[in-house]
């Protein structure tokens, strides 16, 4: 690893510790870097800068994959809601505002369904 990348990796690790994350005895399956447990309980690789899911023996991989897909879908829905909100803020045309409002309503309904599904 080039020196600059190594320094950035170390800096990210230090920042995670300063933010209250805990260094674990687990290693990232992709890069073998130590994993951190964030305050919200998620495992995080500072080198890959990604969330890591550990599948314990007996857990179904499909269930984990489904959960990850729902999280990704929820994030996408929130981003699209923000995009529509930004467009609405600057829009003057009533017809266009109505179209944006209809789209926003649909996204909010879908987001609610996604969140309900996640909690089942």
PDB file of N, CA and C in Angstrom:
ATOM      1  N   UNK A   1       0.853  -1.176   0.000  1.00  0.00           N
ATOM      2  CA  UNK A   1       0.000   0.000   0.000  1.00  0.00           C
ATOM      3  C   UNK A   1       0.900   1.242   0.000  1.00  0.00           C
ATOM      4  N   UNK A   2       0.669   2.188  -0.918  1.00  0.00           N
ATOM      5  CA  UNK A   2       1.461   3.426  -0.923  1.00  0.00           C
ATOM      6  C   UNK A   2       1.334   4.172   0.402  1.00  0.00           C
ATOM      7  N   UNK A   3       2.356   4.914   0.733  1.00  0.00           N
ATOM      8  CA  UNK A   3       2.419   5.588   2.032  1.00  0.00           C
ATOM      9  C   UNK A   3       1.227   6.521   2.271  1.00  0.00           C
ATOM     10  N   UNK A   4       0.808   7.282   1.241  1.00  0.00           N
ATOM     11  CA  UNK A   4      -0.328   8.192   1.398  1.00  0.00           C
ATOM     12  C   UNK A   4      -1.602   7.432   1.750  1.00  0.00           C
ATOM     13  N   UNK A   5      -1.837   6.313   1.074  1.00  0.00           N
ATOM     14  CA  UNK A   5      -3.021   5.504   1.357  1.00  0.00           C
ATOM     15  C   UNK A   5      -2.960   4.928   2.765  1.00  0.00           C
ATOM     16  N   UNK A   6      -1.777   4.487   3.165  1.00  0.00           N
ATOM     17  CA  UNK A   6      -1.603   3.928   4.505  1.00  0.00           C
ATOM     18  C   UNK A   6      -1.886   4.983   5.565  1.00  0.00           C
ATOM     19  N   UNK A   7      -1.419   6.211   5.343  1.00  0.00           N
ATOM     20  CA  UNK A   7      -1.668   7.295   6.293  1.00  0.00           C
ATOM     21  C   UNK A   7      -3.155   7.629   6.373  1.00  0.00           C
ATOM     22  N   UNK A   8      -3.839   7.643   5.227  1.00  0.00           N
ATOM     23  CA  UNK A   8      -5.283   7.911   5.219  1.00  0.00           C
ATOM     24  C   UNK A   8      -6.037   6.818   5.956  1.00  0.00           C
ATOM     25  N   UNK A   9      -5.615   5.569   5.745  1.00  0.00           N
ATOM     26  CA  UNK A   9      -6.238   4.442   6.433  1.00  0.00           C
ATOM     27  C   UNK A   9      -6.069   4.594   7.945  1.00  0.00           C
ATOM     28  N   UNK A  10      -4.863   4.906   8.382  1.00  0.00           N
ATOM     29  CA  UNK A  10      -4.605   5.088   9.814  1.00  0.00           C
ATOM     30  C   UNK A  10      -5.428   6.254  10.370  1.00  0.00           C
ATOM     31  N   UNK A  11      -5.531   7.333   9.609  1.00  0.00           N
ATOM     32  CA  UNK A  11      -6.301   8.497  10.041  1.00  0.00           C
ATOM     33  C   UNK A  11      -7.782   8.129  10.215  1.00  0.00           C
ATOM     34  N   UNK A  12      -8.321   7.343   9.270  1.00  0.00           N
ATOM     35  CA  UNK A  12      -9.714   6.909   9.382  1.00  0.00           C
ATOM     36  C   UNK A  12      -9.912   6.046  10.623  1.00  0.00           C
ATOM     37  N   UNK A  13      -8.933   5.183  10.913  1.00  0.00           N
ATOM     38  CA  UNK A  13      -9.023   4.321  12.099  1.00  0.00           C
ATOM     39  C   UNK A  13      -9.014   5.161  13.378  1.00  0.00           C
ATOM     40  N   UNK A  14      -8.129   6.130  13.434  1.00  0.00           N
ATOM     41  CA  UNK A  14      -8.050   7.021  14.603  1.00  0.00           C
ATOM     42  C   UNK A  14      -9.357   7.792  14.773  1.00  0.00           C
ATOM     43  N   UNK A  15      -9.905   8.293  13.671  1.00  0.00           N
ATOM     44  CA  UNK A  15     -11.167   9.032  13.740  1.00  0.00           C
ATOM     45  C   UNK A  15     -12.300   8.157  14.251  1.00  0.00           C
ATOM     46  N   UNK A  16     -12.341   6.907  13.827  1.00  0.00           N
ATOM     47  CA  UNK A  16     -13.378   5.992  14.315  1.00  0.00           C
ATOM     48  C   UNK A  16     -13.264   5.819  15.829  1.00  0.00           C
ATOM     49  N   UNK A  17     -12.045   5.658  16.315  1.00  0.00           N
ATOM     50  CA  UNK A  17     -11.849   5.509  17.764  1.00  0.00           C
ATOM     51  C   UNK A  17     -12.253   6.782  18.511  1.00  0.00           C
ATOM     52  N   UNK A  18     -11.915   7.926  17.952  1.00  0.00           N
ATOM     53  CA  UNK A  18     -12.293   9.202  18.581  1.00  0.00           C
ATOM     54  C   UNK A  18     -13.808   9.385  18.631  1.00  0.00           C
ATOM     55  N   UNK A  19     -14.505   8.810  17.643  1.00  0.00           N
ATOM     56  CA  UNK A  19     -15.962   8.934  17.583  1.00  0.00           C
ATOM     57  C   UNK A  19     -16.664   7.913  18.470  1.00  0.00           C
ATOM     58  N   UNK A  20     -15.885   7.099  19.177  1.00  0.00           N
ATOM     59  CA  UNK A  20     -16.481   6.144  20.104  1.00  0.00           C
ATOM     60  C   UNK A  20     -16.645   4.743  19.573  1.00  0.00           C
ATOM     61  N   UNK A  21     -16.103   4.465  18.402  1.00  0.00           N
ATOM     62  CA  UNK A  21     -16.163   3.109  17.859  1.00  0.00           C
ATOM     63  C   UNK A  21     -15.191   2.226  18.619  1.00  0.00           C
ATOM     64  N   UNK A  22     -15.434   0.928  18.569  1.00  0.00           N
ATOM     65  CA  UNK A  22     -14.609  -0.038  19.284  1.00  0.00           C
ATOM     66  C   UNK A  22     -13.862  -0.916  18.294  1.00  0.00           C
ATOM     67  N   UNK A  23     -12.582  -1.089  18.520  1.00  0.00           N
ATOM     68  CA  UNK A  23     -11.787  -1.985  17.696  1.00  0.00           C
ATOM     69  C   UNK A  23     -12.143  -3.418  18.092  1.00  0.00           C
ATOM     70  N   UNK A  24     -12.453  -4.262  17.106  1.00  0.00           N
ATOM     71  CA  UNK A  24     -12.831  -5.643  17.399  1.00  0.00           C
ATOM     72  C   UNK A  24     -11.671  -6.580  17.088  1.00  0.00           C
ATOM     73  N   UNK A  25     -11.868  -7.849  17.402  1.00  0.00           N
ATOM     74  CA  UNK A  25     -10.861  -8.859  17.073  1.00  0.00           C
ATOM     75  C   UNK A  25     -11.148  -9.507  15.721  1.00  0.00           C
ATOM     76  N   UNK A  26     -12.092  -8.920  14.971  1.00  0.00           N
ATOM     77  CA  UNK A  26     -12.471  -9.440  13.658  1.00  0.00           C
ATOM     78  C   UNK A  26     -11.700  -8.722  12.560  1.00  0.00           C
ATOM     79  N   UNK A  27     -11.536  -9.410  11.438  1.00  0.00           N
ATOM     80  CA  UNK A  27     -10.841  -8.819  10.290  1.00  0.00           C
ATOM     81  C   UNK A  27     -11.785  -8.762   9.098  1.00  0.00           C
ATOM     82  N   UNK A  28     -11.597  -7.765   8.274  1.00  0.00           N
ATOM     83  CA  UNK A  28     -12.397  -7.615   7.062  1.00  0.00           C
ATOM     84  C   UNK A  28     -12.134  -8.796   6.123  1.00  0.00           C
ATOM     85  N   UNK A  29     -13.192  -9.427   5.620  1.00  0.00           N
ATOM     86  CA  UNK A  29     -12.985 -10.555   4.712  1.00  0.00           C
ATOM     87  C   UNK A  29     -12.394 -10.134   3.355  1.00  0.00           C
ATOM     88  N   UNK A  30     -12.506  -8.858   3.008  1.00  0.00           N
ATOM     89  CA  UNK A  30     -12.005  -8.374   1.723  1.00  0.00           C
ATOM     90  C   UNK A  30     -10.542  -7.950   1.778  1.00  0.00           C
ATOM     91  N   UNK A  31     -10.136  -7.289   2.896  1.00  0.00           N
ATOM     92  CA  UNK A  31      -8.787  -6.719   2.932  1.00  0.00           C
ATOM     93  C   UNK A  31      -7.968  -7.126   4.165  1.00  0.00           C
ATOM     94  N   UNK A  32      -8.596  -7.831   5.104  1.00  0.00           N
ATOM     95  CA  UNK A  32      -7.948  -8.307   6.334  1.00  0.00           C
ATOM     96  C   UNK A  32      -7.628  -7.192   7.336  1.00  0.00           C
ATOM     97  N   UNK A  33      -8.131  -5.995   7.103  1.00  0.00           N
ATOM     98  CA  UNK A  33      -7.941  -4.894   8.047  1.00  0.00           C
ATOM     99  C   UNK A  33      -8.835  -5.133   9.272  1.00  0.00           C
ATOM    100  N   UNK A  34      -8.441  -4.639  10.436  1.00  0.00           N
ATOM    101  CA  UNK A  34      -9.286  -4.812  11.618  1.00  0.00           C
ATOM    102  C   UNK A  34     -10.650  -4.122  11.438  1.00  0.00           C
ATOM    103  N   UNK A  35     -11.676  -4.729  12.000  1.00  0.00           N
ATOM    104  CA  UNK A  35     -13.016  -4.154  11.926  1.00  0.00           C
ATOM    105  C   UNK A  35     -13.327  -3.372  13.188  1.00  0.00           C
ATOM    106  N   UNK A  36     -14.141  -2.352  13.027  1.00  0.00           N
ATOM    107  CA  UNK A  36     -14.586  -1.517  14.145  1.00  0.00           C
ATOM    108  C   UNK A  36     -16.077  -1.722  14.339  1.00  0.00           C
ATOM    109  N   UNK A  37     -16.510  -1.710  15.601  1.00  0.00           N
ATOM    110  CA  UNK A  37     -17.931  -1.730  15.899  1.00  0.00           C
ATOM    111  C   UNK A  37     -18.345  -0.289  16.164  1.00  0.00           C
ATOM    112  N   UNK A  38     -19.230   0.232  15.305  1.00  0.00           N
ATOM    113  CA  UNK A  38     -19.714   1.598  15.459  1.00  0.00           C
ATOM    114  C   UNK A  38     -20.682   1.681  16.629  1.00  0.00           C
ATOM    115  N   UNK A  39     -20.989   2.888  17.055  1.00  0.00           N
ATOM    116  CA  UNK A  39     -21.910   3.083  18.182  1.00  0.00           C
ATOM    117  C   UNK A  39     -23.274   2.459  17.924  1.00  0.00           C
ATOM    118  N   UNK A  40     -23.690   2.395  16.654  1.00  0.00           N
ATOM    119  CA  UNK A  40     -24.989   1.819  16.327  1.00  0.00           C
ATOM    120  C   UNK A  40     -24.946   0.295  16.226  1.00  0.00           C
ATOM    121  N   UNK A  41     -23.776  -0.298  16.491  1.00  0.00           N
ATOM    122  CA  UNK A  41     -23.646  -1.747  16.507  1.00  0.00           C
ATOM    123  C   UNK A  41     -23.140  -2.353  15.203  1.00  0.00           C
ATOM    124  N   UNK A  42     -23.088  -1.568  14.140  1.00  0.00           N
ATOM    125  CA  UNK A  42     -22.628  -2.087  12.852  1.00  0.00           C
ATOM    126  C   UNK A  42     -21.119  -2.291  12.862  1.00  0.00           C
ATOM    127  N   UNK A  43     -20.671  -3.272  12.076  1.00  0.00           N
ATOM    128  CA  UNK A  43     -19.236  -3.478  11.876  1.00  0.00           C
ATOM    129  C   UNK A  43     -18.805  -2.672  10.664  1.00  0.00           C
ATOM    130  N   UNK A  44     -17.614  -2.050  10.748  1.00  0.00           N
ATOM    131  CA  UNK A  44     -17.143  -1.154   9.705  1.00  0.00           C
ATOM    132  C   UNK A  44     -15.677  -1.417   9.430  1.00  0.00           C
ATOM    133  N   UNK A  45     -15.328  -1.463   8.129  1.00  0.00           N
ATOM    134  CA  UNK A  45     -13.930  -1.568   7.723  1.00  0.00           C
ATOM    135  C   UNK A  45     -13.439  -0.177   7.346  1.00  0.00           C
ATOM    136  N   UNK A  46     -12.439   0.305   8.061  1.00  0.00           N
ATOM    137  CA  UNK A  46     -11.906   1.651   7.802  1.00  0.00           C
ATOM    138  C   UNK A  46     -11.128   1.696   6.491  1.00  0.00           C
ATOM    139  N   UNK A  47     -10.551   0.583   6.097  1.00  0.00           N
ATOM    140  CA  UNK A  47      -9.760   0.566   4.855  1.00  0.00           C
ATOM    141  C   UNK A  47     -10.686   0.540   3.635  1.00  0.00           C
ATOM    142  N   UNK A  48     -11.660  -0.345   3.636  1.00  0.00           N
ATOM    143  CA  UNK A  48     -12.610  -0.436   2.507  1.00  0.00           C
ATOM    144  C   UNK A  48     -13.665   0.661   2.566  1.00  0.00           C
ATOM    145  N   UNK A  49     -13.813   1.245   3.751  1.00  0.00           N
ATOM    146  CA  UNK A  49     -14.838   2.259   4.010  1.00  0.00           C
ATOM    147  C   UNK A  49     -16.228   1.715   3.691  1.00  0.00           C
ATOM    148  N   UNK A  50     -16.486   0.503   4.225  1.00  0.00           N
ATOM    149  CA  UNK A  50     -17.766  -0.159   3.996  1.00  0.00           C
ATOM    150  C   UNK A  50     -18.234  -0.871   5.260  1.00  0.00           C
ATOM    151  N   UNK A  51     -19.544  -1.020   5.329  1.00  0.00           N
ATOM    152  CA  UNK A  51     -20.158  -1.815   6.378  1.00  0.00           C
ATOM    153  C   UNK A  51     -19.856  -3.286   6.090  1.00  0.00           C
ATOM    154  N   UNK A  52     -19.619  -4.060   7.144  1.00  0.00           N
ATOM    155  CA  UNK A  52     -19.337  -5.483   6.991  1.00  0.00           C
ATOM    156  C   UNK A  52     -20.405  -6.270   7.741  1.00  0.00           C
ATOM    157  N   UNK A  53     -20.954  -7.260   7.077  1.00  0.00           N
ATOM    158  CA  UNK A  53     -21.943  -8.136   7.695  1.00  0.00           C
ATOM    159  C   UNK A  53     -21.270  -9.470   7.961  1.00  0.00           C
ATOM    160  N   UNK A  54     -21.359  -9.943   9.195  1.00  0.00           N
ATOM    161  CA  UNK A  54     -20.810 -11.241   9.550  1.00  0.00           C
ATOM    162  C   UNK A  54     -21.974 -12.212   9.658  1.00  0.00           C
ATOM    163  N   UNK A  55     -21.913 -13.266   8.872  1.00  0.00           N
ATOM    164  CA  UNK A  55     -22.950 -14.290   8.920  1.00  0.00           C
ATOM    165  C   UNK A  55     -22.459 -15.381   9.850  1.00  0.00           C
ATOM    166  N   UNK A  56     -23.193 -15.554  10.941  1.00  0.00           N
ATOM    167  CA  UNK A  56     -22.822 -16.563  11.915  1.00  0.00           C
ATOM    168  C   UNK A  56     -23.334 -17.922  11.465  1.00  0.00           C
ATOM    169  N   UNK A  57     -22.679 -18.940  11.933  1.00  0.00           N
ATOM    170  CA  UNK A  57     -23.087 -20.293  11.581  1.00  0.00           C
ATOM    171  C   UNK A  57     -24.549 -20.498  11.962  1.00  0.00           C
ATOM    172  N   UNK A  58     -25.310 -21.018  11.038  1.00  0.00           N
ATOM    173  CA  UNK A  58     -26.721 -21.266  11.288  1.00  0.00           C
ATOM    174  C   UNK A  58     -27.622 -20.157  10.758  1.00  0.00           C
ATOM    175  N   UNK A  59     -27.084 -18.988  10.479  1.00  0.00           N
ATOM    176  CA  UNK A  59     -27.882 -17.904   9.915  1.00  0.00           C
ATOM    177  C   UNK A  59     -28.037 -18.120   8.417  1.00  0.00           C
ATOM    178  N   UNK A  60     -29.143 -17.690   7.916  1.00  0.00           N
ATOM    179  CA  UNK A  60     -29.392 -17.852   6.494  1.00  0.00           C
ATOM    180  C   UNK A  60     -28.807 -16.667   5.727  1.00  0.00           C
ATOM    181  N   UNK A  61     -27.991 -16.980   4.746  1.00  0.00           N
ATOM    182  CA  UNK A  61     -27.390 -15.928   3.921  1.00  0.00           C
ATOM    183  C   UNK A  61     -28.461 -15.154   3.169  1.00  0.00           C
ATOM    184  N   UNK A  62     -29.534 -15.833   2.751  1.00  0.00           N
ATOM    185  CA  UNK A  62     -30.607 -15.164   2.008  1.00  0.00           C
ATOM    186  C   UNK A  62     -31.288 -14.107   2.871  1.00  0.00           C
ATOM    187  N   UNK A  63     -31.459 -14.404   4.146  1.00  0.00           N
ATOM    188  CA  UNK A  63     -32.094 -13.447   5.061  1.00  0.00           C
ATOM    189  C   UNK A  63     -31.220 -12.199   5.205  1.00  0.00           C
ATOM    190  N   UNK A  64     -29.928 -12.400   5.320  1.00  0.00           N
ATOM    191  CA  UNK A  64     -28.989 -11.280   5.434  1.00  0.00           C
ATOM    192  C   UNK A  64     -29.001 -10.466   4.148  1.00  0.00           C
ATOM    193  N   UNK A  65     -28.972 -11.132   3.000  1.00  0.00           N
ATOM    194  CA  UNK A  65     -28.974 -10.430   1.710  1.00  0.00           C
ATOM    195  C   UNK A  65     -30.255  -9.629   1.536  1.00  0.00           C
ATOM    196  N   UNK A  66     -31.374 -10.190   1.961  1.00  0.00           N
ATOM    197  CA  UNK A  66     -32.659  -9.495   1.880  1.00  0.00           C
ATOM    198  C   UNK A  66     -32.642  -8.238   2.743  1.00  0.00           C
ATOM    199  N   UNK A  67     -32.104  -8.354   3.933  1.00  0.00           N
ATOM    200  CA  UNK A  67     -32.012  -7.202   4.838  1.00  0.00           C
ATOM    201  C   UNK A  67     -31.145  -6.103   4.235  1.00  0.00           C
ATOM    202  N   UNK A  68     -30.046  -6.489   3.619  1.00  0.00           N
ATOM    203  CA  UNK A  68     -29.156  -5.508   2.999  1.00  0.00           C
ATOM    204  C   UNK A  68     -29.846  -4.836   1.812  1.00  0.00           C
ATOM    205  N   UNK A  69     -30.600  -5.605   1.049  1.00  0.00           N
ATOM    206  CA  UNK A  69     -31.313  -5.044  -0.100  1.00  0.00           C
ATOM    207  C   UNK A  69     -32.353  -4.033   0.364  1.00  0.00           C
ATOM    208  N   UNK A  70     -33.052  -4.328   1.460  1.00  0.00           N
ATOM    209  CA  UNK A  70     -34.056  -3.404   1.978  1.00  0.00           C
ATOM    210  C   UNK A  70     -33.397  -2.118   2.483  1.00  0.00           C
ATOM    211  N   UNK A  71     -32.250  -2.237   3.119  1.00  0.00           N
ATOM    212  CA  UNK A  71     -31.524  -1.043   3.573  1.00  0.00           C
ATOM    213  C   UNK A  71     -31.125  -0.175   2.390  1.00  0.00           C
ATOM    214  N   UNK A  72     -30.631  -0.804   1.342  1.00  0.00           N
ATOM    215  CA  UNK A  72     -30.221  -0.076   0.147  1.00  0.00           C
ATOM    216  C   UNK A  72     -31.420   0.607  -0.513  1.00  0.00           C
ATOM    217  N   UNK A  73     -32.538  -0.105  -0.571  1.00  0.00           N
ATOM    218  CA  UNK A  73     -33.754   0.460  -1.159  1.00  0.00           C
ATOM    219  C   UNK A  73     -34.238   1.657  -0.343  1.00  0.00           C
ATOM    220  N   UNK A  74     -34.204   1.535   0.979  1.00  0.00           N
ATOM    221  CA  UNK A  74     -34.623   2.650   1.837  1.00  0.00           C
ATOM    222  C   UNK A  74     -33.738   3.875   1.605  1.00  0.00           C
ATOM    223  N   UNK A  75     -32.447   3.659   1.497  1.00  0.00           N
ATOM    224  CA  UNK A  75     -31.514   4.771   1.254  1.00  0.00           C
ATOM    225  C   UNK A  75     -31.821   5.445  -0.077  1.00  0.00           C
ATOM    226  N   UNK A  76     -32.062   4.635  -1.110  1.00  0.00           N
ATOM    227  CA  UNK A  76     -32.390   5.179  -2.429  1.00  0.00           C
ATOM    228  C   UNK A  76     -33.677   5.990  -2.385  1.00  0.00           C
ATOM    229  N   UNK A  77     -34.692   5.469  -1.689  1.00  0.00           N
ATOM    230  CA  UNK A  77     -35.973   6.179  -1.581  1.00  0.00           C
ATOM    231  C   UNK A  77     -35.768   7.539  -0.908  1.00  0.00           C
ATOM    232  N   UNK A  78     -34.983   7.577   0.156  1.00  0.00           N
ATOM    233  CA  UNK A  78     -34.730   8.841   0.862  1.00  0.00           C
ATOM    234  C   UNK A  78     -33.996   9.839  -0.036  1.00  0.00           C
ATOM    235  N   UNK A  79     -33.055   9.343  -0.838  1.00  0.00           N
ATOM    236  CA  UNK A  79     -32.335  10.228  -1.759  1.00  0.00           C
ATOM    237  C   UNK A  79     -33.284  10.818  -2.806  1.00  0.00           C
ATOM    238  N   UNK A  80     -34.180   9.989  -3.339  1.00  0.00           N
ATOM    239  CA  UNK A  80     -35.136  10.452  -4.352  1.00  0.00           C
ATOM    240  C   UNK A  80     -36.132  11.448  -3.750  1.00  0.00           C
ATOM    241  N   UNK A  81     -36.550  11.202  -2.518  1.00  0.00           N
ATOM    242  CA  UNK A  81     -37.447  12.139  -1.835  1.00  0.00           C
ATOM    243  C   UNK A  81     -36.760  13.497  -1.691  1.00  0.00           C
ATOM    244  N   UNK A  82     -35.493  13.490  -1.346  1.00  0.00           N
ATOM    245  CA  UNK A  82     -34.737  14.733  -1.212  1.00  0.00           C
ATOM    246  C   UNK A  82     -34.620  15.446  -2.558  1.00  0.00           C
ATOM    247  N   UNK A  83     -34.384  14.684  -3.632  1.00  0.00           N
ATOM    248  CA  UNK A  83     -34.282  15.287  -4.964  1.00  0.00           C
ATOM    249  C   UNK A  83     -35.588  15.983  -5.348  1.00  0.00           C
ATOM    250  N   UNK A  84     -36.716  15.323  -5.080  1.00  0.00           N
ATOM    251  CA  UNK A  84     -38.007  15.924  -5.419  1.00  0.00           C
ATOM    252  C   UNK A  84     -38.255  17.161  -4.566  1.00  0.00           C
ATOM    253  N   UNK A  85     -37.907  17.088  -3.294  1.00  0.00           N
ATOM    254  CA  UNK A  85     -38.077  18.248  -2.420  1.00  0.00           C
ATOM    255  C   UNK A  85     -37.271  19.436  -2.950  1.00  0.00           C
ATOM    256  N   UNK A  86     -36.054  19.177  -3.381  1.00  0.00           N
ATOM    257  CA  UNK A  86     -35.216  20.249  -3.927  1.00  0.00           C
ATOM    258  C   UNK A  86     -35.842  20.850  -5.189  1.00  0.00           C
ATOM    259  N   UNK A  87     -36.398  20.005  -6.063  1.00  0.00           N
ATOM    260  CA  UNK A  87     -37.050  20.495  -7.280  1.00  0.00           C
ATOM    261  C   UNK A  87     -38.296  21.314  -6.937  1.00  0.00           C
ATOM    262  N   UNK A  88     -39.049  20.861  -5.946  1.00  0.00           N
ATOM    263  CA  UNK A  88     -40.282  21.562  -5.560  1.00  0.00           C
ATOM    264  C   UNK A  88     -39.976  22.960  -5.015  1.00  0.00           C
ATOM    265  N   UNK A  89     -38.890  23.068  -4.308  1.00  0.00           N
ATOM    266  CA  UNK A  89     -38.515  24.331  -3.679  1.00  0.00           C
ATOM    267  C   UNK A  89     -38.351  25.441  -4.721  1.00  0.00           C
ATOM    268  N   UNK A  90     -37.869  25.098  -5.910  1.00  0.00           N
ATOM    269  CA  UNK A  90     -37.584  26.094  -6.937  1.00  0.00           C
ATOM    270  C   UNK A  90     -38.633  26.166  -8.051  1.00  0.00           C
ATOM    271  N   UNK A  91     -39.607  25.265  -8.012  1.00  0.00           N
ATOM    272  CA  UNK A  91     -40.593  25.187  -9.092  1.00  0.00           C
ATOM    273  C   UNK A  91     -41.694  26.225  -8.915  1.00  0.00           C
ATOM    274  N   UNK A  92     -42.060  26.897 -10.004  1.00  0.00           N
ATOM    275  CA  UNK A  92     -43.125  27.902  -9.989  1.00  0.00           C
ATOM    276  C   UNK A  92     -44.376  27.407 -10.721  1.00  0.00           C
ATOM    277  N   UNK A  93     -44.191  26.490 -11.657  1.00  0.00           N
ATOM    278  CA  UNK A  93     -45.282  25.985 -12.476  1.00  0.00           C
ATOM    279  C   UNK A  93     -46.181  25.049 -11.651  1.00  0.00           C
ATOM    280  N   UNK A  94     -47.466  25.396 -11.537  1.00  0.00           N
ATOM    281  CA  UNK A  94     -48.412  24.626 -10.728  1.00  0.00           C
ATOM    282  C   UNK A  94     -48.553  23.199 -11.243  1.00  0.00           C
ATOM    283  N   UNK A  95     -48.620  23.014 -12.550  1.00  0.00           N
ATOM    284  CA  UNK A  95     -48.747  21.667 -13.114  1.00  0.00           C
ATOM    285  C   UNK A  95     -47.541  20.800 -12.749  1.00  0.00           C
ATOM    286  N   UNK A  96     -46.367  21.390 -12.864  1.00  0.00           N
ATOM    287  CA  UNK A  96     -45.154  20.650 -12.518  1.00  0.00           C
ATOM    288  C   UNK A  96     -45.110  20.338 -11.020  1.00  0.00           C
ATOM    289  N   UNK A  97     -45.549  21.297 -10.185  1.00  0.00           N
ATOM    290  CA  UNK A  97     -45.612  21.055  -8.740  1.00  0.00           C
ATOM    291  C   UNK A  97     -46.559  19.907  -8.415  1.00  0.00           C
ATOM    292  N   UNK A  98     -47.668  19.845  -9.143  1.00  0.00           N
ATOM    293  CA  UNK A  98     -48.617  18.763  -8.917  1.00  0.00           C
ATOM    294  C   UNK A  98     -47.997  17.408  -9.285  1.00  0.00           C
ATOM    295  N   UNK A  99     -47.266  17.355 -10.405  1.00  0.00           N
ATOM    296  CA  UNK A  99     -46.592  16.119 -10.802  1.00  0.00           C
ATOM    297  C   UNK A  99     -45.552  15.703  -9.752  1.00  0.00           C
ATOM    298  N   UNK A 100     -44.792  16.696  -9.287  1.00  0.00           N
ATOM    299  CA  UNK A 100     -43.786  16.403  -8.263  1.00  0.00           C
ATOM    300  C   UNK A 100     -44.445  15.932  -6.966  1.00  0.00           C
ATOM    301  N   UNK A 101     -45.570  16.545  -6.618  1.00  0.00           N
ATOM    302  CA  UNK A 101     -46.298  16.142  -5.409  1.00  0.00           C
ATOM    303  C   UNK A 101     -46.808  14.715  -5.511  1.00  0.00           C
ATOM    304  N   UNK A 102     -47.308  14.351  -6.681  1.00  0.00           N
ATOM    305  CA  UNK A 102     -47.788  12.981  -6.895  1.00  0.00           C
ATOM    306  C   UNK A 102     -46.634  11.991  -6.781  1.00  0.00           C
ATOM    307  N   UNK A 103     -45.512  12.330  -7.392  1.00  0.00           N
ATOM    308  CA  UNK A 103     -44.333  11.463  -7.307  1.00  0.00           C
ATOM    309  C   UNK A 103     -43.848  11.349  -5.862  1.00  0.00           C
ATOM    310  N   UNK A 104     -43.840  12.467  -5.148  1.00  0.00           N
ATOM    311  CA  UNK A 104     -43.414  12.469  -3.752  1.00  0.00           C
ATOM    312  C   UNK A 104     -44.330  11.595  -2.912  1.00  0.00           C
ATOM    313  N   UNK A 105     -45.623  11.697  -3.128  1.00  0.00           N
ATOM    314  CA  UNK A 105     -46.582  10.882  -2.392  1.00  0.00           C
ATOM    315  C   UNK A 105     -46.322   9.395  -2.629  1.00  0.00           C
ATOM    316  N   UNK A 106     -46.075   9.034  -3.881  1.00  0.00           N
ATOM    317  CA  UNK A 106     -45.781   7.640  -4.202  1.00  0.00           C
ATOM    318  C   UNK A 106     -44.516   7.148  -3.523  1.00  0.00           C
ATOM    319  N   UNK A 107     -43.488   7.985  -3.524  1.00  0.00           N
ATOM    320  CA  UNK A 107     -42.233   7.610  -2.868  1.00  0.00           C
ATOM    321  C   UNK A 107     -42.415   7.451  -1.365  1.00  0.00           C
ATOM    322  N   UNK A 108     -43.183   8.348  -0.743  1.00  0.00           N
ATOM    323  CA  UNK A 108     -43.422   8.261   0.698  1.00  0.00           C
ATOM    324  C   UNK A 108     -44.197   6.993   1.057  1.00  0.00           C
ATOM    325  N   UNK A 109     -45.167   6.644   0.234  1.00  0.00           N
ATOM    326  CA  UNK A 109     -45.922   5.414   0.474  1.00  0.00           C
ATOM    327  C   UNK A 109     -45.014   4.190   0.343  1.00  0.00           C
ATOM    328  N   UNK A 110     -44.178   4.202  -0.663  1.00  0.00           N
ATOM    329  CA  UNK A 110     -43.257   3.088  -0.867  1.00  0.00           C
ATOM    330  C   UNK A 110     -42.253   3.004   0.273  1.00  0.00           C
ATOM    331  N   UNK A 111     -41.749   4.154   0.721  1.00  0.00           N
ATOM    332  CA  UNK A 111     -40.812   4.180   1.837  1.00  0.00           C
ATOM    333  C   UNK A 111     -41.457   3.580   3.086  1.00  0.00           C
ATOM    334  N   UNK A 112     -42.702   3.924   3.337  1.00  0.00           N
ATOM    335  CA  UNK A 112     -43.413   3.378   4.490  1.00  0.00           C
ATOM    336  C   UNK A 112     -43.519   1.852   4.386  1.00  0.00           C
ATOM    337  N   UNK A 113     -43.826   1.344   3.200  1.00  0.00           N
ATOM    338  CA  UNK A 113     -43.919  -0.112   2.992  1.00  0.00           C
ATOM    339  C   UNK A 113     -42.571  -0.782   3.199  1.00  0.00           C
ATOM    340  N   UNK A 114     -41.507  -0.158   2.695  1.00  0.00           N
ATOM    341  CA  UNK A 114     -40.164  -0.715   2.866  1.00  0.00           C
ATOM    342  C   UNK A 114     -39.824  -0.796   4.350  1.00  0.00           C
ATOM    343  N   UNK A 115     -40.117   0.266   5.094  1.00  0.00           N
ATOM    344  CA  UNK A 115     -39.813   0.274   6.531  1.00  0.00           C
ATOM    345  C   UNK A 115     -40.629  -0.763   7.289  1.00  0.00           C
ATOM    346  N   UNK A 116     -41.877  -0.944   6.909  1.00  0.00           N
ATOM    347  CA  UNK A 116     -42.703  -1.980   7.539  1.00  0.00           C
ATOM    348  C   UNK A 116     -42.139  -3.358   7.248  1.00  0.00           C
ATOM    349  N   UNK A 117     -41.732  -3.575   6.008  1.00  0.00           N
ATOM    350  CA  UNK A 117     -41.165  -4.867   5.615  1.00  0.00           C
ATOM    351  C   UNK A 117     -39.877  -5.145   6.360  1.00  0.00           C
ATOM    352  N   UNK A 118     -39.052  -4.127   6.550  1.00  0.00           N
ATOM    353  CA  UNK A 118     -37.777  -4.292   7.290  1.00  0.00           C
ATOM    354  C   UNK A 118     -38.011  -4.744   8.723  1.00  0.00           C
ATOM    355  N   UNK A 119     -39.102  -4.265   9.314  1.00  0.00           N
ATOM    356  CA  UNK A 119     -39.364  -4.536  10.727  1.00  0.00           C
ATOM    357  C   UNK A 119     -40.099  -5.847  10.980  1.00  0.00           C
ATOM    358  N   UNK A 120     -40.402  -6.574   9.919  1.00  0.00           N
ATOM    359  CA  UNK A 120     -41.090  -7.860  10.097  1.00  0.00           C
ATOM    360  C   UNK A 120     -40.121  -8.923  10.519  1.00  0.00           C
TER     361      UNK A 120
END
